[in-house]
C-alpha atoms as a PDB file:
ATOM      1  CA  UNK A   1     -13.967  29.125  19.661  1.00  0.00           C
ATOM      2  CA  UNK A   2     -11.895  25.772  22.122  1.00  0.00           C
ATOM      3  CA  UNK A   3     -13.910  23.412  20.194  1.00  0.00           C
ATOM      4  CA  UNK A   4     -12.891  24.009  16.668  1.00  0.00           C
ATOM      5  CA  UNK A   5      -8.971  24.316  19.101  1.00  0.00           C
ATOM      6  CA  UNK A   6      -9.590  21.642  20.340  1.00  0.00           C
ATOM      7  CA  UNK A   7     -11.260  19.563  17.110  1.00  0.00           C
ATOM      8  CA  UNK A   8      -8.311  20.517  15.290  1.00  0.00           C
ATOM      9  CA  UNK A   9      -5.498  19.751  17.179  1.00  0.00           C
ATOM     10  CA  UNK A  10      -7.104  15.538  17.684  1.00  0.00           C
ATOM     11  CA  UNK A  11      -7.133  16.438  13.406  1.00  0.00           C
ATOM     12  CA  UNK A  12      -3.645  17.188  13.546  1.00  0.00           C
ATOM     13  CA  UNK A  13      -3.005  14.055  16.434  1.00  0.00           C
ATOM     14  CA  UNK A  14      -4.395  11.600  13.496  1.00  0.00           C
ATOM     15  CA  UNK A  15      -3.191  13.139  10.253  1.00  0.00           C
ATOM     16  CA  UNK A  16       0.065  12.375  11.860  1.00  0.00           C
ATOM     17  CA  UNK A  17      -0.877   9.153  13.179  1.00  0.00           C
ATOM     18  CA  UNK A  18      -1.650   7.827   9.912  1.00  0.00           C
ATOM     19  CA  UNK A  19      -0.445   9.304   6.952  1.00  0.00           C
ATOM     20  CA  UNK A  20       3.696   9.987   5.772  1.00  0.00           C
ATOM     21  CA  UNK A  21       5.652  12.061   4.190  1.00  0.00           C
ATOM     22  CA  UNK A  22       6.058  11.317   0.541  1.00  0.00           C
ATOM     23  CA  UNK A  23      10.006  10.135   0.790  1.00  0.00           C
ATOM     24  CA  UNK A  24       8.548   7.858   3.458  1.00  0.00           C
ATOM     25  CA  UNK A  25       6.085   6.889   1.903  1.00  0.00           C
ATOM     26  CA  UNK A  26       7.945   5.359  -1.799  1.00  0.00           C
ATOM     27  CA  UNK A  27      10.091   3.838   0.696  1.00  0.00           C
ATOM     28  CA  UNK A  28       9.297   0.111   0.477  1.00  0.00           C
ATOM     29  CA  UNK A  29       7.681   0.246  -2.636  1.00  0.00           C
ATOM     30  CA  UNK A  30      11.823   1.571  -3.772  1.00  0.00           C
ATOM     31  CA  UNK A  31      13.325  -0.920  -1.250  1.00  0.00           C
ATOM     32  CA  UNK A  32      11.144  -4.050  -3.088  1.00  0.00           C
ATOM     33  CA  UNK A  33      12.010  -2.307  -6.869  1.00  0.00           C
ATOM     34  CA  UNK A  34      15.391  -1.796  -6.290  1.00  0.00           C
ATOM     35  CA  UNK A  35      17.630  -3.805  -4.038  1.00  0.00           C
ATOM     36  CA  UNK A  36      19.451  -6.794  -4.589  1.00  0.00           C
ATOM     37  CA  UNK A  37      18.625  -8.572  -1.670  1.00  0.00           C
ATOM     38  CA  UNK A  38      15.205  -9.574  -2.721  1.00  0.00           C
ATOM     39  CA  UNK A  39      15.963 -10.693  -5.912  1.00  0.00           C
ATOM     40  CA  UNK A  40      18.516 -13.323  -4.597  1.00  0.00           C
ATOM     41  CA  UNK A  41      15.885 -14.478  -2.175  1.00  0.00           C
ATOM     42  CA  UNK A  42      13.501 -14.444  -5.202  1.00  0.00           C
ATOM     43  CA  UNK A  43      10.984 -12.501  -2.633  1.00  0.00           C
ATOM     44  CA  UNK A  44       7.664 -12.386  -4.183  1.00  0.00           C
ATOM     45  CA  UNK A  45       3.664 -12.570  -3.461  1.00  0.00           C
ATOM     46  CA  UNK A  46       4.389 -10.896   0.385  1.00  0.00           C
ATOM     47  CA  UNK A  47       3.021  -8.257   1.446  1.00  0.00           C
ATOM     48  CA  UNK A  48       5.421  -5.476   3.184  1.00  0.00           C
ATOM     49  CA  UNK A  49       4.296  -2.156   4.758  1.00  0.00           C
ATOM     50  CA  UNK A  50       5.596   0.076   6.914  1.00  0.00           C
ATOM     51  CA  UNK A  51       9.079   1.177   5.748  1.00  0.00           C
ATOM     52  CA  UNK A  52       9.629  -2.610   3.884  1.00  0.00           C
ATOM     53  CA  UNK A  53       8.992  -4.584   6.935  1.00  0.00           C
ATOM     54  CA  UNK A  54       7.479  -7.856   5.897  1.00  0.00           C
ATOM     55  CA  UNK A  55       3.649  -8.533   7.211  1.00  0.00           C
ATOM     56  CA  UNK A  56       1.356 -11.018   7.001  1.00  0.00           C
ATOM     57  CA  UNK A  57      -1.697 -10.655   4.479  1.00  0.00           C
ATOM     58  CA  UNK A  58      -4.739  -9.448   6.230  1.00  0.00           C
ATOM     59  CA  UNK A  59      -7.801 -11.607   5.932  1.00  0.00           C
ATOM     60  CA  UNK A  60      -9.863 -10.735   2.827  1.00  0.00           C
ATOM     61  CA  UNK A  61      -6.290 -10.616   0.549  1.00  0.00           C
ATOM     62  CA  UNK A  62      -6.786 -14.775   2.382  1.00  0.00           C
ATOM     63  CA  UNK A  63      -7.691 -17.824   0.844  1.00  0.00           C
ATOM     64  CA  UNK A  64     -10.184 -17.952  -2.264  1.00  0.00           C
ATOM     65  CA  UNK A  65     -12.532 -14.383  -1.589  1.00  0.00           C
ATOM     66  CA  UNK A  66      -8.928 -13.200  -1.708  1.00  0.00           C
ATOM     67  CA  UNK A  67      -7.414 -14.111  -4.697  1.00  0.00           C
ATOM     68  CA  UNK A  68     -10.784 -13.585  -6.336  1.00  0.00           C
ATOM     69  CA  UNK A  69     -11.016 -10.019  -5.153  1.00  0.00           C
ATOM     70  CA  UNK A  70      -7.007 -10.006  -7.072  1.00  0.00           C
ATOM     71  CA  UNK A  71      -8.378 -11.101 -10.466  1.00  0.00           C
ATOM     72  CA  UNK A  72     -11.554  -8.427  -9.652  1.00  0.00           C
ATOM     73  CA  UNK A  73      -8.062  -5.764  -9.559  1.00  0.00           C
ATOM     74  CA  UNK A  74      -6.048  -7.192 -12.351  1.00  0.00           C
ATOM     75  CA  UNK A  75      -8.945  -7.310 -14.768  1.00  0.00           C
ATOM     76  CA  UNK A  76      -9.561  -3.243 -12.856  1.00  0.00           C
ATOM     77  CA  UNK A  77      -6.160  -2.152 -13.804  1.00  0.00           C
ATOM     78  CA  UNK A  78      -5.634  -3.546 -17.576  1.00  0.00           C
ATOM     79  CA  UNK A  79      -9.308  -2.458 -18.366  1.00  0.00           C
ATOM     80  CA  UNK A  80      -8.618   1.438 -16.901  1.00  0.00           C
ATOM     81  CA  UNK A  81      -5.265   1.597 -19.123  1.00  0.00           C
ATOM     82  CA  UNK A  82      -6.566   0.222 -22.336  1.00  0.00           C
ATOM     83  CA  UNK A  83      -9.541   2.907 -21.675  1.00  0.00           C
ATOM     84  CA  UNK A  84      -5.941   5.488 -21.701  1.00  0.00           C
ATOM     85  CA  UNK A  85      -4.454   3.671 -24.978  1.00  0.00           C
ATOM     86  CA  UNK A  86      -2.365   1.301 -22.676  1.00  0.00           C
ATOM     87  CA  UNK A  87      -1.939  -2.260 -24.331  1.00  0.00           C
END
């Protein structure tokens, strides 16, 4: 029992630190989609996380590797949409 309780408390601690409530998780996307200042300042191709804070892209997203990965993800996403009947 004590080991199980310890395991659950560790899990709860980790979950609290890395997960978000739905409303909190959507806040950045809503801000970027609806904020007049984003459009007025012509902010594009930037990374925002968490809670609408601009952050530098990870090393995986930079340079030619990042560009190639972005192209692959875009193509993959388009193919899924086509399979589902979207054009």
